[in-house]
């Protein structure tokens, strides 16, 4: 079994309202020097088969990421 980690993030240039809300809240809590915050998600998959990275990429293309507004990376975790 292979553990694959998928990271999905909003594409650069796409509005990230959650990131902006967190940036504002951090400022109100007294944190300074924050220029931008972008929020994404981490998905951990445990997969069997000969090509776990390829399988995870296909999952992202078909379900886990919205190709219009999100980018993703796929990596095997030790």
PDB file of N, CA and C in Angstrom:
ATOM      1  N   UNK A   1       0.856  -1.172   0.000  1.00  0.00           N
ATOM      2  CA  UNK A   1       0.000   0.000   0.000  1.00  0.00           C
ATOM      3  C   UNK A   1       0.904   1.237   0.000  1.00  0.00           C
ATOM      4  N   UNK A   2       0.518   2.219  -0.779  1.00  0.00           N
ATOM      5  CA  UNK A   2       1.281   3.456  -0.909  1.00  0.00           C
ATOM      6  C   UNK A   2       0.442   4.619  -0.431  1.00  0.00           C
ATOM      7  N   UNK A   3       1.052   5.475   0.387  1.00  0.00           N
ATOM      8  CA  UNK A   3       0.354   6.696   0.829  1.00  0.00           C
ATOM      9  C   UNK A   3       0.721   7.813  -0.141  1.00  0.00           C
ATOM     10  N   UNK A   4      -0.304   8.390  -0.738  1.00  0.00           N
ATOM     11  CA  UNK A   4      -0.134   9.487  -1.680  1.00  0.00           C
ATOM     12  C   UNK A   4      -0.779  10.728  -1.081  1.00  0.00           C
ATOM     13  N   UNK A   5      -0.063  11.841  -1.146  1.00  0.00           N
ATOM     14  CA  UNK A   5      -0.586  13.107  -0.636  1.00  0.00           C
ATOM     15  C   UNK A   5      -0.880  14.034  -1.811  1.00  0.00           C
ATOM     16  N   UNK A   6      -2.099  14.522  -1.854  1.00  0.00           N
ATOM     17  CA  UNK A   6      -2.535  15.464  -2.873  1.00  0.00           C
ATOM     18  C   UNK A   6      -2.718  16.819  -2.194  1.00  0.00           C
ATOM     19  N   UNK A   7      -2.134  17.847  -2.771  1.00  0.00           N
ATOM     20  CA  UNK A   7      -2.327  19.214  -2.279  1.00  0.00           C
ATOM     21  C   UNK A   7      -3.059  19.993  -3.362  1.00  0.00           C
ATOM     22  N   UNK A   8      -4.191  20.564  -3.006  1.00  0.00           N
ATOM     23  CA  UNK A   8      -5.017  21.324  -3.937  1.00  0.00           C
ATOM     24  C   UNK A   8      -5.034  22.773  -3.464  1.00  0.00           C
ATOM     25  N   UNK A   9      -4.688  23.681  -4.372  1.00  0.00           N
ATOM     26  CA  UNK A   9      -4.650  25.104  -4.041  1.00  0.00           C
ATOM     27  C   UNK A   9      -5.371  25.911  -5.116  1.00  0.00           C
ATOM     28  N   UNK A  10      -5.935  27.055  -4.746  1.00  0.00           N
ATOM     29  CA  UNK A  10      -6.519  27.928  -5.765  1.00  0.00           C
ATOM     30  C   UNK A  10      -5.416  28.392  -6.729  1.00  0.00           C
ATOM     31  N   UNK A  11      -5.740  28.492  -7.989  1.00  0.00           N
ATOM     32  CA  UNK A  11      -4.771  28.990  -8.968  1.00  0.00           C
ATOM     33  C   UNK A  11      -4.417  30.443  -8.660  1.00  0.00           C
ATOM     34  N   UNK A  12      -3.202  30.815  -9.036  1.00  0.00           N
ATOM     35  CA  UNK A  12      -2.809  32.209  -8.892  1.00  0.00           C
ATOM     36  C   UNK A  12      -3.750  33.061  -9.742  1.00  0.00           C
ATOM     37  N   UNK A  13      -4.168  34.176  -9.218  1.00  0.00           N
ATOM     38  CA  UNK A  13      -5.068  35.069  -9.928  1.00  0.00           C
ATOM     39  C   UNK A  13      -6.539  34.780  -9.691  1.00  0.00           C
ATOM     40  N   UNK A  14      -6.854  33.651  -9.048  1.00  0.00           N
ATOM     41  CA  UNK A  14      -8.239  33.320  -8.725  1.00  0.00           C
ATOM     42  C   UNK A  14      -8.543  33.840  -7.331  1.00  0.00           C
ATOM     43  N   UNK A  15      -9.664  34.506  -7.192  1.00  0.00           N
ATOM     44  CA  UNK A  15     -10.060  35.045  -5.894  1.00  0.00           C
ATOM     45  C   UNK A  15     -10.140  33.922  -4.858  1.00  0.00           C
ATOM     46  N   UNK A  16      -9.544  34.156  -3.694  1.00  0.00           N
ATOM     47  CA  UNK A  16      -9.561  33.187  -2.596  1.00  0.00           C
ATOM     48  C   UNK A  16     -10.211  33.847  -1.383  1.00  0.00           C
ATOM     49  N   UNK A  17     -11.550  33.836  -1.290  1.00  0.00           N
ATOM     50  CA  UNK A  17     -12.223  34.537  -0.198  1.00  0.00           C
ATOM     51  C   UNK A  17     -11.868  33.990   1.175  1.00  0.00           C
ATOM     52  N   UNK A  18     -11.628  32.687   1.294  1.00  0.00           N
ATOM     53  CA  UNK A  18     -11.231  32.133   2.600  1.00  0.00           C
ATOM     54  C   UNK A  18      -9.866  32.677   3.008  1.00  0.00           C
ATOM     55  N   UNK A  19      -8.945  32.720   2.076  1.00  0.00           N
ATOM     56  CA  UNK A  19      -7.622  33.259   2.375  1.00  0.00           C
ATOM     57  C   UNK A  19      -7.694  34.717   2.795  1.00  0.00           C
ATOM     58  N   UNK A  20      -8.529  35.500   2.115  1.00  0.00           N
ATOM     59  CA  UNK A  20      -8.669  36.914   2.460  1.00  0.00           C
ATOM     60  C   UNK A  20      -9.296  37.082   3.839  1.00  0.00           C
ATOM     61  N   UNK A  21     -10.255  36.229   4.179  1.00  0.00           N
ATOM     62  CA  UNK A  21     -10.879  36.291   5.505  1.00  0.00           C
ATOM     63  C   UNK A  21      -9.856  35.968   6.590  1.00  0.00           C
ATOM     64  N   UNK A  22      -9.031  34.960   6.353  1.00  0.00           N
ATOM     65  CA  UNK A  22      -7.999  34.604   7.338  1.00  0.00           C
ATOM     66  C   UNK A  22      -6.976  35.722   7.458  1.00  0.00           C
ATOM     67  N   UNK A  23      -6.573  36.304   6.334  1.00  0.00           N
ATOM     68  CA  UNK A  23      -5.622  37.426   6.373  1.00  0.00           C
ATOM     69  C   UNK A  23      -6.171  38.574   7.213  1.00  0.00           C
ATOM     70  N   UNK A  24      -7.448  38.912   7.009  1.00  0.00           N
ATOM     71  CA  UNK A  24      -8.070  39.980   7.791  1.00  0.00           C
ATOM     72  C   UNK A  24      -8.121  39.647   9.270  1.00  0.00           C
ATOM     73  N   UNK A  25      -8.482  38.397   9.588  1.00  0.00           N
ATOM     74  CA  UNK A  25      -8.569  37.990  10.994  1.00  0.00           C
ATOM     75  C   UNK A  25      -7.197  38.022  11.661  1.00  0.00           C
ATOM     76  N   UNK A  26      -6.169  37.592  10.948  1.00  0.00           N
ATOM     77  CA  UNK A  26      -4.817  37.643  11.527  1.00  0.00           C
ATOM     78  C   UNK A  26      -4.394  39.085  11.808  1.00  0.00           C
ATOM     79  N   UNK A  27      -4.746  39.990  10.893  1.00  0.00           N
ATOM     80  CA  UNK A  27      -4.451  41.408  11.121  1.00  0.00           C
ATOM     81  C   UNK A  27      -5.162  41.947  12.345  1.00  0.00           C
ATOM     82  N   UNK A  28      -6.430  41.564  12.511  1.00  0.00           N
ATOM     83  CA  UNK A  28      -7.191  42.020  13.677  1.00  0.00           C
ATOM     84  C   UNK A  28      -6.630  41.434  14.975  1.00  0.00           C
ATOM     85  N   UNK A  29      -5.973  40.296  14.893  1.00  0.00           N
ATOM     86  CA  UNK A  29      -5.353  39.690  16.080  1.00  0.00           C
ATOM     87  C   UNK A  29      -3.978  40.269  16.393  1.00  0.00           C
ATOM     88  N   UNK A  30      -3.545  41.227  15.573  1.00  0.00           N
ATOM     89  CA  UNK A  30      -2.287  41.910  15.857  1.00  0.00           C
ATOM     90  C   UNK A  30      -1.089  41.415  15.058  1.00  0.00           C
ATOM     91  N   UNK A  31      -1.279  40.472  14.152  1.00  0.00           N
ATOM     92  CA  UNK A  31      -0.178  40.012  13.312  1.00  0.00           C
ATOM     93  C   UNK A  31       0.009  40.999  12.170  1.00  0.00           C
ATOM     94  N   UNK A  32       1.257  41.369  11.920  1.00  0.00           N
ATOM     95  CA  UNK A  32       1.518  42.342  10.857  1.00  0.00           C
ATOM     96  C   UNK A  32       2.447  41.728   9.813  1.00  0.00           C
ATOM     97  N   UNK A  33       2.565  42.427   8.699  1.00  0.00           N
ATOM     98  CA  UNK A  33       3.469  41.985   7.649  1.00  0.00           C
ATOM     99  C   UNK A  33       2.910  40.867   6.777  1.00  0.00           C
ATOM    100  N   UNK A  34       1.635  40.605   6.858  1.00  0.00           N
ATOM    101  CA  UNK A  34       1.020  39.539   6.060  1.00  0.00           C
ATOM    102  C   UNK A  34       0.546  40.150   4.754  1.00  0.00           C
ATOM    103  N   UNK A  35       1.119  39.701   3.663  1.00  0.00           N
ATOM    104  CA  UNK A  35       0.756  40.252   2.359  1.00  0.00           C
ATOM    105  C   UNK A  35      -0.340  39.450   1.672  1.00  0.00           C
ATOM    106  N   UNK A  36      -0.352  38.146   1.885  1.00  0.00           N
ATOM    107  CA  UNK A  36      -1.355  37.319   1.237  1.00  0.00           C
ATOM    108  C   UNK A  36      -1.499  36.004   1.997  1.00  0.00           C
ATOM    109  N   UNK A  37      -2.682  35.445   1.986  1.00  0.00           N
ATOM    110  CA  UNK A  37      -2.945  34.118   2.553  1.00  0.00           C
ATOM    111  C   UNK A  37      -3.769  33.368   1.518  1.00  0.00           C
ATOM    112  N   UNK A  38      -3.364  32.159   1.202  1.00  0.00           N
ATOM    113  CA  UNK A  38      -4.115  31.305   0.283  1.00  0.00           C
ATOM    114  C   UNK A  38      -4.392  29.996   1.000  1.00  0.00           C
ATOM    115  N   UNK A  39      -5.628  29.576   0.993  1.00  0.00           N
ATOM    116  CA  UNK A  39      -6.015  28.331   1.660  1.00  0.00           C
ATOM    117  C   UNK A  39      -6.300  27.258   0.623  1.00  0.00           C
ATOM    118  N   UNK A  40      -5.844  26.059   0.946  1.00  0.00           N
ATOM    119  CA  UNK A  40      -6.096  24.909   0.089  1.00  0.00           C
ATOM    120  C   UNK A  40      -6.480  23.730   0.958  1.00  0.00           C
ATOM    121  N   UNK A  41      -6.246  22.552   0.413  1.00  0.00           N
ATOM    122  CA  UNK A  41      -6.549  21.360   1.201  1.00  0.00           C
ATOM    123  C   UNK A  41      -5.536  20.266   0.901  1.00  0.00           C
ATOM    124  N   UNK A  42      -5.349  19.410   1.880  1.00  0.00           N
ATOM    125  CA  UNK A  42      -4.446  18.257   1.781  1.00  0.00           C
ATOM    126  C   UNK A  42      -5.318  17.006   1.847  1.00  0.00           C
ATOM    127  N   UNK A  43      -5.098  16.128   0.900  1.00  0.00           N
ATOM    128  CA  UNK A  43      -5.861  14.885   0.825  1.00  0.00           C
ATOM    129  C   UNK A  43      -4.860  13.737   0.871  1.00  0.00           C
ATOM    130  N   UNK A  44      -5.037  12.824   1.808  1.00  0.00           N
ATOM    131  CA  UNK A  44      -4.165  11.654   1.919  1.00  0.00           C
ATOM    132  C   UNK A  44      -4.919  10.433   1.415  1.00  0.00           C
ATOM    133  N   UNK A  45      -4.292   9.711   0.504  1.00  0.00           N
ATOM    134  CA  UNK A  45      -4.886   8.511  -0.078  1.00  0.00           C
ATOM    135  C   UNK A  45      -3.963   7.330   0.174  1.00  0.00           C
ATOM    136  N   UNK A  46      -4.498   6.202   0.534  1.00  0.00           N
ATOM    137  CA  UNK A  46      -3.726   4.972   0.623  1.00  0.00           C
ATOM    138  C   UNK A  46      -4.192   4.089  -0.525  1.00  0.00           C
ATOM    139  N   UNK A  47      -3.273   3.828  -1.462  1.00  0.00           N
ATOM    140  CA  UNK A  47      -3.640   3.167  -2.707  1.00  0.00           C
ATOM    141  C   UNK A  47      -2.816   1.914  -2.942  1.00  0.00           C
ATOM    142  N   UNK A  48      -3.436   0.926  -3.549  1.00  0.00           N
ATOM    143  CA  UNK A  48      -2.757  -0.251  -4.059  1.00  0.00           C
ATOM    144  C   UNK A  48      -2.672  -0.105  -5.576  1.00  0.00           C
ATOM    145  N   UNK A  49      -1.817  -0.903  -6.176  1.00  0.00           N
ATOM    146  CA  UNK A  49      -1.743  -0.930  -7.634  1.00  0.00           C
ATOM    147  C   UNK A  49      -0.377  -0.535  -8.133  1.00  0.00           C
ATOM    148  N   UNK A  50      -0.159  -0.725  -9.426  1.00  0.00           N
ATOM    149  CA  UNK A  50       1.167  -0.499  -9.996  1.00  0.00           C
ATOM    150  C   UNK A  50       1.527   0.969 -10.186  1.00  0.00           C
ATOM    151  N   UNK A  51       0.553   1.871 -10.247  1.00  0.00           N
ATOM    152  CA  UNK A  51       0.836   3.283 -10.522  1.00  0.00           C
ATOM    153  C   UNK A  51       0.017   4.191  -9.613  1.00  0.00           C
ATOM    154  N   UNK A  52       0.360   4.254  -8.326  1.00  0.00           N
ATOM    155  CA  UNK A  52      -0.448   5.073  -7.412  1.00  0.00           C
ATOM    156  C   UNK A  52      -0.436   6.558  -7.759  1.00  0.00           C
ATOM    157  N   UNK A  53       0.695   7.077  -8.252  1.00  0.00           N
ATOM    158  CA  UNK A  53       0.722   8.502  -8.618  1.00  0.00           C
ATOM    159  C   UNK A  53      -0.200   8.788  -9.795  1.00  0.00           C
ATOM    160  N   UNK A  54      -0.175   7.917 -10.783  1.00  0.00           N
ATOM    161  CA  UNK A  54      -1.057   8.094 -11.929  1.00  0.00           C
ATOM    162  C   UNK A  54      -2.517   7.994 -11.536  1.00  0.00           C
ATOM    163  N   UNK A  55      -2.818   7.049 -10.665  1.00  0.00           N
ATOM    164  CA  UNK A  55      -4.191   6.896 -10.189  1.00  0.00           C
ATOM    165  C   UNK A  55      -4.636   8.144  -9.441  1.00  0.00           C
ATOM    166  N   UNK A  56      -3.783   8.670  -8.569  1.00  0.00           N
ATOM    167  CA  UNK A  56      -4.126   9.878  -7.806  1.00  0.00           C
ATOM    168  C   UNK A  56      -4.309  11.075  -8.739  1.00  0.00           C
ATOM    169  N   UNK A  57      -3.461  11.210  -9.757  1.00  0.00           N
ATOM    170  CA  UNK A  57      -3.625  12.307 -10.718  1.00  0.00           C
ATOM    171  C   UNK A  57      -4.981  12.211 -11.423  1.00  0.00           C
ATOM    172  N   UNK A  58      -5.340  10.996 -11.830  1.00  0.00           N
ATOM    173  CA  UNK A  58      -6.635  10.818 -12.491  1.00  0.00           C
ATOM    174  C   UNK A  58      -7.781  11.175 -11.549  1.00  0.00           C
ATOM    175  N   UNK A  59      -7.657  10.792 -10.274  1.00  0.00           N
ATOM    176  CA  UNK A  59      -8.685  11.157  -9.283  1.00  0.00           C
ATOM    177  C   UNK A  59      -8.825  12.667  -9.188  1.00  0.00           C
ATOM    178  N   UNK A  60      -7.694  13.375  -9.200  1.00  0.00           N
ATOM    179  CA  UNK A  60      -7.730  14.840  -9.121  1.00  0.00           C
ATOM    180  C   UNK A  60      -8.400  15.437 -10.354  1.00  0.00           C
ATOM    181  N   UNK A  61      -8.037  14.920 -11.519  1.00  0.00           N
ATOM    182  CA  UNK A  61      -8.593  15.447 -12.758  1.00  0.00           C
ATOM    183  C   UNK A  61     -10.098  15.200 -12.856  1.00  0.00           C
ATOM    184  N   UNK A  62     -10.564  14.102 -12.272  1.00  0.00           N
ATOM    185  CA  UNK A  62     -11.971  13.737 -12.404  1.00  0.00           C
ATOM    186  C   UNK A  62     -12.847  14.186 -11.245  1.00  0.00           C
ATOM    187  N   UNK A  63     -12.245  14.379 -10.025  1.00  0.00           N
ATOM    188  CA  UNK A  63     -13.099  14.674  -8.870  1.00  0.00           C
ATOM    189  C   UNK A  63     -12.474  15.612  -7.845  1.00  0.00           C
ATOM    190  N   UNK A  64     -11.246  15.379  -7.454  1.00  0.00           N
ATOM    191  CA  UNK A  64     -10.690  16.033  -6.261  1.00  0.00           C
ATOM    192  C   UNK A  64     -10.311  17.497  -6.457  1.00  0.00           C
ATOM    193  N   UNK A  65     -10.078  17.917  -7.696  1.00  0.00           N
ATOM    194  CA  UNK A  65      -9.711  19.315  -7.950  1.00  0.00           C
ATOM    195  C   UNK A  65     -10.566  19.857  -9.093  1.00  0.00           C
ATOM    196  N   UNK A  66     -10.894  21.129  -8.999  1.00  0.00           N
ATOM    197  CA  UNK A  66     -11.630  21.813 -10.064  1.00  0.00           C
ATOM    198  C   UNK A  66     -10.595  22.445 -10.994  1.00  0.00           C
ATOM    199  N   UNK A  67     -10.390  21.853 -12.164  1.00  0.00           N
ATOM    200  CA  UNK A  67      -9.327  22.280 -13.078  1.00  0.00           C
ATOM    201  C   UNK A  67      -9.456  23.733 -13.524  1.00  0.00           C
ATOM    202  N   UNK A  68     -10.638  24.309 -13.440  1.00  0.00           N
ATOM    203  CA  UNK A  68     -10.819  25.695 -13.861  1.00  0.00           C
ATOM    204  C   UNK A  68     -10.216  26.686 -12.874  1.00  0.00           C
ATOM    205  N   UNK A  69     -10.242  26.346 -11.583  1.00  0.00           N
ATOM    206  CA  UNK A  69      -9.815  27.328 -10.581  1.00  0.00           C
ATOM    207  C   UNK A  69      -8.762  26.806  -9.607  1.00  0.00           C
ATOM    208  N   UNK A  70      -8.381  25.517  -9.725  1.00  0.00           N
ATOM    209  CA  UNK A  70      -7.438  24.945  -8.759  1.00  0.00           C
ATOM    210  C   UNK A  70      -6.283  24.219  -9.464  1.00  0.00           C
ATOM    211  N   UNK A  71      -5.140  24.249  -8.824  1.00  0.00           N
ATOM    212  CA  UNK A  71      -3.986  23.450  -9.213  1.00  0.00           C
ATOM    213  C   UNK A  71      -3.780  22.391  -8.148  1.00  0.00           C
ATOM    214  N   UNK A  72      -3.101  21.302  -8.526  1.00  0.00           N
ATOM    215  CA  UNK A  72      -2.827  20.267  -7.542  1.00  0.00           C
ATOM    216  C   UNK A  72      -1.443  19.678  -7.758  1.00  0.00           C
ATOM    217  N   UNK A  73      -0.892  19.155  -6.665  1.00  0.00           N
ATOM    218  CA  UNK A  73       0.347  18.390  -6.740  1.00  0.00           C
ATOM    219  C   UNK A  73       0.073  17.025  -6.105  1.00  0.00           C
ATOM    220  N   UNK A  74       0.816  16.041  -6.563  1.00  0.00           N
ATOM    221  CA  UNK A  74       0.664  14.673  -6.091  1.00  0.00           C
ATOM    222  C   UNK A  74       2.041  14.166  -5.724  1.00  0.00           C
ATOM    223  N   UNK A  75       2.187  13.583  -4.535  1.00  0.00           N
ATOM    224  CA  UNK A  75       3.489  13.083  -4.092  1.00  0.00           C
ATOM    225  C   UNK A  75       3.290  11.845  -3.225  1.00  0.00           C
ATOM    226  N   UNK A  76       4.282  10.964  -3.273  1.00  0.00           N
ATOM    227  CA  UNK A  76       4.285   9.803  -2.388  1.00  0.00           C
ATOM    228  C   UNK A  76       4.879  10.230  -1.057  1.00  0.00           C
ATOM    229  N   UNK A  77       4.221   9.862   0.031  1.00  0.00           N
ATOM    230  CA  UNK A  77       4.717  10.181   1.375  1.00  0.00           C
ATOM    231  C   UNK A  77       5.369   8.943   1.968  1.00  0.00           C
ATOM    232  N   UNK A  78       6.542   9.139   2.520  1.00  0.00           N
ATOM    233  CA  UNK A  78       7.266   8.015   3.140  1.00  0.00           C
ATOM    234  C   UNK A  78       6.623   7.591   4.427  1.00  0.00           C
TER     235      UNK A  78
END
